[in-house]
């Protein structure tokens, strides 16, 4: 059996006297779709911040593809092949959808460019832009300013930006936040169609999405792993119902 793509060793992160994470260990196999669920304050976003280098652990460390990445700055973690979307869209609102994707694709291709310089030549990334735009349902919206896209389309663009960097591991922080039911269903279809070569770690409050997409589910509570396993086993765990599912599944 191959080594996990992502391994978190006893991760702890303290903010003064508060332990947002307390000894969390987690292993994610290549090609896996893993959901992270739990109540508000459980430590889900802190876990993502530690994986991506936006925070450093108070104790423990993160390994990716067999190498320790804790202590690396976010841009160095990204260059190892980890990409992330956020609860709020991060696109450049005054650039078109296509220009946003072109910048991300250039970064994924490790092209050398400065943010304040002219964008990379369209020919160098146009194929990647078209491929990603089609994958996230924005093939006909490339010339629209990001700020003029609907909320659902902006979330699709956020996913496209993350995918355009060609990640091996994609971290999605509430990809359906603020979406209508129709937009949520569209996002579920988009995520289900992602190639398995992209391993996914998903924080999500929509339990229908979680139990539809996830191969395995990890439940955080008070900064610790409360339960972990196949979706059916987690759904039937009375501890999970007590602290989370029984309260309506609010994330």
C-alpha atoms as a PDB file:
ATOM      1  CA  UNK A   1       0.000   0.000   0.000  1.00  0.00           C
ATOM      2  CA  UNK A   2       1.358   3.440  -0.970  1.00  0.00           C
ATOM      3  CA  UNK A   3       2.052   6.148   1.582  1.00  0.00           C
ATOM      4  CA  UNK A   4      -0.685   8.761   2.096  1.00  0.00           C
ATOM      5  CA  UNK A   5      -0.435  11.888  -0.034  1.00  0.00           C
ATOM      6  CA  UNK A   6      -1.188  14.056   3.011  1.00  0.00           C
ATOM      7  CA  UNK A   7      -0.288  13.207   6.598  1.00  0.00           C
ATOM      8  CA  UNK A   8      -0.970  15.458   9.581  1.00  0.00           C
ATOM      9  CA  UNK A   9       0.930  14.415  12.703  1.00  0.00           C
ATOM     10  CA  UNK A  10      -0.584  15.434  16.059  1.00  0.00           C
ATOM     11  CA  UNK A  11      -1.294  18.966  14.874  1.00  0.00           C
ATOM     12  CA  UNK A  12      -1.858  21.499  17.620  1.00  0.00           C
ATOM     13  CA  UNK A  13      -2.441  25.209  17.225  1.00  0.00           C
ATOM     14  CA  UNK A  14      -2.877  27.470  20.209  1.00  0.00           C
ATOM     15  CA  UNK A  15      -4.049  31.072  20.306  1.00  0.00           C
ATOM     16  CA  UNK A  16      -3.053  32.095  23.820  1.00  0.00           C
ATOM     17  CA  UNK A  17      -4.869  29.746  26.187  1.00  0.00           C
ATOM     18  CA  UNK A  18      -7.205  28.494  23.430  1.00  0.00           C
ATOM     19  CA  UNK A  19      -6.265  25.314  21.558  1.00  0.00           C
ATOM     20  CA  UNK A  20      -8.029  25.628  18.188  1.00  0.00           C
ATOM     21  CA  UNK A  21      -6.552  22.228  17.277  1.00  0.00           C
ATOM     22  CA  UNK A  22      -5.372  19.721  19.830  1.00  0.00           C
ATOM     23  CA  UNK A  23      -3.340  16.786  18.558  1.00  0.00           C
ATOM     24  CA  UNK A  24      -5.156  16.189  15.255  1.00  0.00           C
ATOM     25  CA  UNK A  25      -3.740  13.344  13.166  1.00  0.00           C
ATOM     26  CA  UNK A  26      -5.092  12.761   9.679  1.00  0.00           C
ATOM     27  CA  UNK A  27      -4.065  10.751   6.623  1.00  0.00           C
ATOM     28  CA  UNK A  28      -5.475  11.297   3.143  1.00  0.00           C
ATOM     29  CA  UNK A  29      -4.716   8.888   0.324  1.00  0.00           C
ATOM     30  CA  UNK A  30      -3.974  10.026  -3.221  1.00  0.00           C
ATOM     31  CA  UNK A  31      -7.185  10.253  -5.320  1.00  0.00           C
ATOM     32  CA  UNK A  32      -9.340  10.329  -2.185  1.00  0.00           C
ATOM     33  CA  UNK A  33     -12.226  12.707  -1.542  1.00  0.00           C
ATOM     34  CA  UNK A  34     -12.252  13.447   2.176  1.00  0.00           C
ATOM     35  CA  UNK A  35     -14.856  15.618   3.902  1.00  0.00           C
ATOM     36  CA  UNK A  36     -14.120  17.495   7.130  1.00  0.00           C
ATOM     37  CA  UNK A  37     -17.233  18.314   9.157  1.00  0.00           C
ATOM     38  CA  UNK A  38     -18.009  19.590  12.630  1.00  0.00           C
ATOM     39  CA  UNK A  39     -19.654  22.424  14.575  1.00  0.00           C
ATOM     40  CA  UNK A  40     -18.542  26.040  14.533  1.00  0.00           C
ATOM     41  CA  UNK A  41     -15.219  26.396  16.337  1.00  0.00           C
ATOM     42  CA  UNK A  42     -14.272  22.761  15.770  1.00  0.00           C
ATOM     43  CA  UNK A  43     -10.979  23.753  14.103  1.00  0.00           C
ATOM     44  CA  UNK A  44     -11.778  22.975  10.477  1.00  0.00           C
ATOM     45  CA  UNK A  45     -10.484  26.176   8.900  1.00  0.00           C
ATOM     46  CA  UNK A  46      -7.506  26.226  11.285  1.00  0.00           C
ATOM     47  CA  UNK A  47      -6.603  22.779   9.948  1.00  0.00           C
ATOM     48  CA  UNK A  48      -6.629  24.142   6.395  1.00  0.00           C
ATOM     49  CA  UNK A  49      -4.537  27.138   7.498  1.00  0.00           C
ATOM     50  CA  UNK A  50      -1.916  24.792   8.950  1.00  0.00           C
ATOM     51  CA  UNK A  51      -1.816  22.621   5.830  1.00  0.00           C
ATOM     52  CA  UNK A  52      -1.404  25.598   3.490  1.00  0.00           C
ATOM     53  CA  UNK A  53       1.197  27.407   5.585  1.00  0.00           C
ATOM     54  CA  UNK A  54      -0.979  30.354   6.575  1.00  0.00           C
ATOM     55  CA  UNK A  55      -0.422  29.309  10.187  1.00  0.00           C
ATOM     56  CA  UNK A  56       2.448  27.406  11.776  1.00  0.00           C
ATOM     57  CA  UNK A  57       1.700  24.567  14.219  1.00  0.00           C
ATOM     58  CA  UNK A  58       2.252  25.024  17.930  1.00  0.00           C
ATOM     59  CA  UNK A  59       3.098  21.313  17.880  1.00  0.00           C
ATOM     60  CA  UNK A  60       3.064  18.520  15.321  1.00  0.00           C
ATOM     61  CA  UNK A  61       3.708  18.832  11.594  1.00  0.00           C
ATOM     62  CA  UNK A  62       2.281  18.267   8.107  1.00  0.00           C
ATOM     63  CA  UNK A  63       3.758  15.990   5.446  1.00  0.00           C
ATOM     64  CA  UNK A  64       2.837  16.175   1.769  1.00  0.00           C
ATOM     65  CA  UNK A  65       4.056  13.576  -0.701  1.00  0.00           C
ATOM     66  CA  UNK A  66       6.466  12.280   1.938  1.00  0.00           C
ATOM     67  CA  UNK A  67       8.076  15.645   2.744  1.00  0.00           C
ATOM     68  CA  UNK A  68       7.478  17.936   5.704  1.00  0.00           C
ATOM     69  CA  UNK A  69       5.893  21.215   4.627  1.00  0.00           C
ATOM     70  CA  UNK A  70       5.192  22.790   8.033  1.00  0.00           C
ATOM     71  CA  UNK A  71       7.077  26.072   8.293  1.00  0.00           C
ATOM     72  CA  UNK A  72       7.011  26.768   4.554  1.00  0.00           C
ATOM     73  CA  UNK A  73       5.304  30.002   3.451  1.00  0.00           C
ATOM     74  CA  UNK A  74       1.994  29.645   1.570  1.00  0.00           C
ATOM     75  CA  UNK A  75       3.504  30.297  -1.855  1.00  0.00           C
ATOM     76  CA  UNK A  76       6.040  27.503  -1.331  1.00  0.00           C
ATOM     77  CA  UNK A  77       3.306  25.107  -0.199  1.00  0.00           C
ATOM     78  CA  UNK A  78       1.297  26.028  -3.308  1.00  0.00           C
ATOM     79  CA  UNK A  79       4.277  25.255  -5.519  1.00  0.00           C
ATOM     80  CA  UNK A  80       4.463  21.773  -4.002  1.00  0.00           C
ATOM     81  CA  UNK A  81       1.026  21.131  -5.521  1.00  0.00           C
ATOM     82  CA  UNK A  82      -1.555  22.243  -2.935  1.00  0.00           C
ATOM     83  CA  UNK A  83      -4.298  24.673  -3.910  1.00  0.00           C
ATOM     84  CA  UNK A  84      -7.136  26.106  -1.866  1.00  0.00           C
ATOM     85  CA  UNK A  85     -10.455  27.872  -2.264  1.00  0.00           C
ATOM     86  CA  UNK A  86     -11.963  29.997   0.484  1.00  0.00           C
ATOM     87  CA  UNK A  87     -15.414  30.629   1.958  1.00  0.00           C
ATOM     88  CA  UNK A  88     -15.360  34.039   0.275  1.00  0.00           C
ATOM     89  CA  UNK A  89     -14.434  34.448  -3.363  1.00  0.00           C
ATOM     90  CA  UNK A  90     -10.874  35.625  -3.993  1.00  0.00           C
ATOM     91  CA  UNK A  91     -11.032  36.485  -7.690  1.00  0.00           C
ATOM     92  CA  UNK A  92      -9.825  39.816  -9.088  1.00  0.00           C
ATOM     93  CA  UNK A  93     -13.220  41.452  -9.592  1.00  0.00           C
ATOM     94  CA  UNK A  94     -12.022  43.944 -12.227  1.00  0.00           C
ATOM     95  CA  UNK A  95     -10.459  41.256 -14.420  1.00  0.00           C
ATOM     96  CA  UNK A  96     -12.479  38.953 -16.619  1.00  0.00           C
ATOM     97  CA  UNK A  97     -13.057  35.337 -15.694  1.00  0.00           C
ATOM     98  CA  UNK A  98     -10.628  34.359 -18.424  1.00  0.00           C
ATOM     99  CA  UNK A  99      -7.928  36.726 -17.159  1.00  0.00           C
ATOM    100  CA  UNK A 100      -8.305  35.343 -13.635  1.00  0.00           C
ATOM    101  CA  UNK A 101      -7.918  31.804 -14.937  1.00  0.00           C
ATOM    102  CA  UNK A 102      -4.980  32.793 -17.165  1.00  0.00           C
ATOM    103  CA  UNK A 103      -3.047  34.199 -14.211  1.00  0.00           C
ATOM    104  CA  UNK A 104      -3.706  31.061 -12.167  1.00  0.00           C
ATOM    105  CA  UNK A 105      -2.740  28.806 -15.070  1.00  0.00           C
ATOM    106  CA  UNK A 106       0.518  30.739 -15.538  1.00  0.00           C
ATOM    107  CA  UNK A 107       1.322  30.247 -11.860  1.00  0.00           C
ATOM    108  CA  UNK A 108       0.534  26.555 -12.158  1.00  0.00           C
ATOM    109  CA  UNK A 109       2.854  26.293 -15.144  1.00  0.00           C
ATOM    110  CA  UNK A 110       5.581  27.888 -12.952  1.00  0.00           C
ATOM    111  CA  UNK A 111       5.935  30.757 -15.416  1.00  0.00           C
ATOM    112  CA  UNK A 112       7.924  33.720 -14.162  1.00  0.00           C
ATOM    113  CA  UNK A 113       5.793  36.851 -14.022  1.00  0.00           C
ATOM    114  CA  UNK A 114       5.316  39.800 -11.721  1.00  0.00           C
ATOM    115  CA  UNK A 115       1.850  40.639 -10.457  1.00  0.00           C
ATOM    116  CA  UNK A 116       2.144  44.283 -11.568  1.00  0.00           C
ATOM    117  CA  UNK A 117       3.644  43.437 -14.948  1.00  0.00           C
ATOM    118  CA  UNK A 118       1.687  42.651 -18.089  1.00  0.00           C
ATOM    119  CA  UNK A 119      -0.248  39.372 -17.968  1.00  0.00           C
ATOM    120  CA  UNK A 120       1.439  36.353 -19.552  1.00  0.00           C
ATOM    121  CA  UNK A 121       0.798  35.888 -23.289  1.00  0.00           C
ATOM    122  CA  UNK A 122      -2.630  34.349 -23.923  1.00  0.00           C
ATOM    123  CA  UNK A 123      -1.186  31.672 -26.196  1.00  0.00           C
ATOM    124  CA  UNK A 124       0.904  30.252 -23.363  1.00  0.00           C
ATOM    125  CA  UNK A 125      -2.078  29.412 -21.184  1.00  0.00           C
ATOM    126  CA  UNK A 126      -5.128  29.538 -23.455  1.00  0.00           C
ATOM    127  CA  UNK A 127      -5.490  25.765 -23.690  1.00  0.00           C
ATOM    128  CA  UNK A 128      -5.377  25.368 -19.917  1.00  0.00           C
ATOM    129  CA  UNK A 129      -7.856  28.234 -19.481  1.00  0.00           C
ATOM    130  CA  UNK A 130     -10.331  26.706 -21.915  1.00  0.00           C
ATOM    131  CA  UNK A 131     -10.004  23.283 -20.284  1.00  0.00           C
ATOM    132  CA  UNK A 132     -10.577  24.612 -16.764  1.00  0.00           C
ATOM    133  CA  UNK A 133     -13.376  26.964 -17.829  1.00  0.00           C
ATOM    134  CA  UNK A 134     -15.207  24.062 -19.425  1.00  0.00           C
ATOM    135  CA  UNK A 135     -14.669  21.895 -16.340  1.00  0.00           C
ATOM    136  CA  UNK A 136     -16.264  24.503 -14.048  1.00  0.00           C
ATOM    137  CA  UNK A 137     -19.078  25.483 -16.396  1.00  0.00           C
ATOM    138  CA  UNK A 138     -17.746  28.903 -17.405  1.00  0.00           C
ATOM    139  CA  UNK A 139     -16.738  28.206 -20.997  1.00  0.00           C
ATOM    140  CA  UNK A 140     -19.166  30.824 -22.297  1.00  0.00           C
ATOM    141  CA  UNK A 141     -18.385  33.411 -19.588  1.00  0.00           C
ATOM    142  CA  UNK A 142     -14.670  34.005 -20.050  1.00  0.00           C
ATOM    143  CA  UNK A 143     -15.085  37.604 -21.251  1.00  0.00           C
ATOM    144  CA  UNK A 144     -17.297  38.660 -18.302  1.00  0.00           C
ATOM    145  CA  UNK A 145     -15.757  40.674 -15.469  1.00  0.00           C
ATOM    146  CA  UNK A 146     -15.509  38.498 -12.356  1.00  0.00           C
ATOM    147  CA  UNK A 147     -17.392  41.107 -10.332  1.00  0.00           C
ATOM    148  CA  UNK A 148     -20.349  40.841 -12.701  1.00  0.00           C
ATOM    149  CA  UNK A 149     -20.741  37.088 -12.436  1.00  0.00           C
ATOM    150  CA  UNK A 150     -23.548  35.709 -10.288  1.00  0.00           C
ATOM    151  CA  UNK A 151     -22.618  34.444  -6.826  1.00  0.00           C
ATOM    152  CA  UNK A 152     -22.783  30.847  -8.024  1.00  0.00           C
ATOM    153  CA  UNK A 153     -20.589  31.645 -11.026  1.00  0.00           C
ATOM    154  CA  UNK A 154     -18.082  33.410  -8.782  1.00  0.00           C
ATOM    155  CA  UNK A 155     -17.858  30.238  -6.689  1.00  0.00           C
ATOM    156  CA  UNK A 156     -17.323  28.275  -9.908  1.00  0.00           C
ATOM    157  CA  UNK A 157     -14.583  30.718 -10.878  1.00  0.00           C
ATOM    158  CA  UNK A 158     -12.970  30.294  -7.458  1.00  0.00           C
ATOM    159  CA  UNK A 159     -12.901  26.536  -8.079  1.00  0.00           C
ATOM    160  CA  UNK A 160     -11.489  27.136 -11.557  1.00  0.00           C
ATOM    161  CA  UNK A 161      -8.714  29.373 -10.215  1.00  0.00           C
ATOM    162  CA  UNK A 162      -7.717  26.649  -7.754  1.00  0.00           C
ATOM    163  CA  UNK A 163      -7.790  23.975 -10.474  1.00  0.00           C
ATOM    164  CA  UNK A 164      -5.842  26.089 -12.970  1.00  0.00           C
ATOM    165  CA  UNK A 165      -2.735  25.856 -10.798  1.00  0.00           C
ATOM    166  CA  UNK A 166      -2.741  22.090 -11.530  1.00  0.00           C
ATOM    167  CA  UNK A 167      -2.816  20.933  -7.908  1.00  0.00           C
ATOM    168  CA  UNK A 168      -2.266  17.433  -6.647  1.00  0.00           C
ATOM    169  CA  UNK A 169      -4.292  18.306  -3.530  1.00  0.00           C
ATOM    170  CA  UNK A 170      -7.290  20.650  -3.604  1.00  0.00           C
ATOM    171  CA  UNK A 171      -8.641  22.110  -0.360  1.00  0.00           C
ATOM    172  CA  UNK A 172     -12.203  23.420  -0.631  1.00  0.00           C
ATOM    173  CA  UNK A 173     -13.541  25.513   2.244  1.00  0.00           C
ATOM    174  CA  UNK A 174     -17.358  25.454   2.037  1.00  0.00           C
ATOM    175  CA  UNK A 175     -17.565  25.499  -1.786  1.00  0.00           C
ATOM    176  CA  UNK A 176     -21.376  25.909  -1.726  1.00  0.00           C
ATOM    177  CA  UNK A 177     -21.521  28.720   0.867  1.00  0.00           C
ATOM    178  CA  UNK A 178     -24.293  31.193   0.061  1.00  0.00           C
ATOM    179  CA  UNK A 179     -25.540  29.272  -2.957  1.00  0.00           C
ATOM    180  CA  UNK A 180     -29.142  28.666  -3.905  1.00  0.00           C
ATOM    181  CA  UNK A 181     -30.324  25.020  -4.084  1.00  0.00           C
ATOM    182  CA  UNK A 182     -29.961  25.056  -7.885  1.00  0.00           C
ATOM    183  CA  UNK A 183     -26.441  26.516  -7.684  1.00  0.00           C
ATOM    184  CA  UNK A 184     -25.524  23.956  -5.019  1.00  0.00           C
ATOM    185  CA  UNK A 185     -26.630  21.091  -7.227  1.00  0.00           C
ATOM    186  CA  UNK A 186     -24.585  22.509 -10.097  1.00  0.00           C
ATOM    187  CA  UNK A 187     -21.512  22.685  -7.836  1.00  0.00           C
ATOM    188  CA  UNK A 188     -22.069  19.105  -6.655  1.00  0.00           C
ATOM    189  CA  UNK A 189     -22.075  17.948 -10.270  1.00  0.00           C
ATOM    190  CA  UNK A 190     -18.905  19.928 -11.004  1.00  0.00           C
ATOM    191  CA  UNK A 191     -17.088  18.480  -7.989  1.00  0.00           C
ATOM    192  CA  UNK A 192     -18.242  14.942  -8.778  1.00  0.00           C
ATOM    193  CA  UNK A 193     -16.813  15.306 -12.284  1.00  0.00           C
ATOM    194  CA  UNK A 194     -13.333  16.365 -11.140  1.00  0.00           C
ATOM    195  CA  UNK A 195     -10.624  13.917 -12.199  1.00  0.00           C
ATOM    196  CA  UNK A 196      -9.490  11.550  -9.487  1.00  0.00           C
ATOM    197  CA  UNK A 197      -5.913  12.661 -10.119  1.00  0.00           C
ATOM    198  CA  UNK A 198      -6.867  15.680  -7.996  1.00  0.00           C
ATOM    199  CA  UNK A 199      -7.171  14.608  -4.365  1.00  0.00           C
ATOM    200  CA  UNK A 200      -9.828  16.646  -2.535  1.00  0.00           C
ATOM    201  CA  UNK A 201     -10.201  17.713   1.081  1.00  0.00           C
ATOM    202  CA  UNK A 202     -13.550  19.455   1.587  1.00  0.00           C
ATOM    203  CA  UNK A 203     -14.986  21.451   4.489  1.00  0.00           C
ATOM    204  CA  UNK A 204     -18.733  21.563   3.950  1.00  0.00           C
ATOM    205  CA  UNK A 205     -21.907  22.150   5.948  1.00  0.00           C
ATOM    206  CA  UNK A 206     -24.256  20.650   3.351  1.00  0.00           C
ATOM    207  CA  UNK A 207     -24.589  17.044   4.476  1.00  0.00           C
ATOM    208  CA  UNK A 208     -26.199  15.943   1.223  1.00  0.00           C
ATOM    209  CA  UNK A 209     -23.054  17.088  -0.579  1.00  0.00           C
ATOM    210  CA  UNK A 210     -20.801  15.456   2.009  1.00  0.00           C
ATOM    211  CA  UNK A 211     -22.474  12.077   1.879  1.00  0.00           C
ATOM    212  CA  UNK A 212     -22.744  12.225  -1.920  1.00  0.00           C
ATOM    213  CA  UNK A 213     -19.122  13.088  -2.690  1.00  0.00           C
ATOM    214  CA  UNK A 214     -16.928  11.886   0.165  1.00  0.00           C
ATOM    215  CA  UNK A 215     -15.097   8.567   0.230  1.00  0.00           C
ATOM    216  CA  UNK A 216     -14.359   9.125   3.910  1.00  0.00           C
ATOM    217  CA  UNK A 217     -15.451  11.675   6.517  1.00  0.00           C
ATOM    218  CA  UNK A 218     -13.526  13.119   9.454  1.00  0.00           C
ATOM    219  CA  UNK A 219     -15.458  14.845  12.240  1.00  0.00           C
ATOM    220  CA  UNK A 220     -13.764  17.540  14.330  1.00  0.00           C
ATOM    221  CA  UNK A 221     -15.092  18.662  17.710  1.00  0.00           C
ATOM    222  CA  UNK A 222     -13.333  21.021  20.135  1.00  0.00           C
ATOM    223  CA  UNK A 223     -10.188  20.789  18.012  1.00  0.00           C
ATOM    224  CA  UNK A 224      -9.950  17.007  18.115  1.00  0.00           C
ATOM    225  CA  UNK A 225     -10.950  14.161  15.794  1.00  0.00           C
ATOM    226  CA  UNK A 226     -14.217  12.828  17.185  1.00  0.00           C
ATOM    227  CA  UNK A 227     -14.915  10.240  14.504  1.00  0.00           C
ATOM    228  CA  UNK A 228     -13.585   9.119  11.148  1.00  0.00           C
ATOM    229  CA  UNK A 229     -14.614   6.552   8.582  1.00  0.00           C
ATOM    230  CA  UNK A 230     -16.907   5.723   5.702  1.00  0.00           C
ATOM    231  CA  UNK A 231     -19.856   8.096   5.271  1.00  0.00           C
ATOM    232  CA  UNK A 232     -22.440   5.515   6.384  1.00  0.00           C
ATOM    233  CA  UNK A 233     -20.505   4.744   9.554  1.00  0.00           C
ATOM    234  CA  UNK A 234     -20.094   8.420  10.427  1.00  0.00           C
ATOM    235  CA  UNK A 235     -23.761   9.128   9.688  1.00  0.00           C
ATOM    236  CA  UNK A 236     -24.750   6.384  12.116  1.00  0.00           C
ATOM    237  CA  UNK A 237     -22.324   7.331  14.902  1.00  0.00           C
ATOM    238  CA  UNK A 238     -24.356   8.496  17.940  1.00  0.00           C
ATOM    239  CA  UNK A 239     -21.517  10.802  19.061  1.00  0.00           C
ATOM    240  CA  UNK A 240     -21.667  12.637  15.736  1.00  0.00           C
ATOM    241  CA  UNK A 241     -25.426  13.012  16.040  1.00  0.00           C
ATOM    242  CA  UNK A 242     -25.061  14.370  19.541  1.00  0.00           C
ATOM    243  CA  UNK A 243     -22.546  17.093  18.720  1.00  0.00           C
ATOM    244  CA  UNK A 244     -23.376  17.882  15.082  1.00  0.00           C
ATOM    245  CA  UNK A 245     -25.880  16.064  12.909  1.00  0.00           C
ATOM    246  CA  UNK A 246     -28.578  16.089  15.562  1.00  0.00           C
ATOM    247  CA  UNK A 247     -28.429  19.888  15.669  1.00  0.00           C
ATOM    248  CA  UNK A 248     -29.189  20.168  11.985  1.00  0.00           C
ATOM    249  CA  UNK A 249     -25.649  19.966  10.647  1.00  0.00           C
ATOM    250  CA  UNK A 250     -24.735  23.630  10.920  1.00  0.00           C
ATOM    251  CA  UNK A 251     -21.046  24.116  10.135  1.00  0.00           C
END
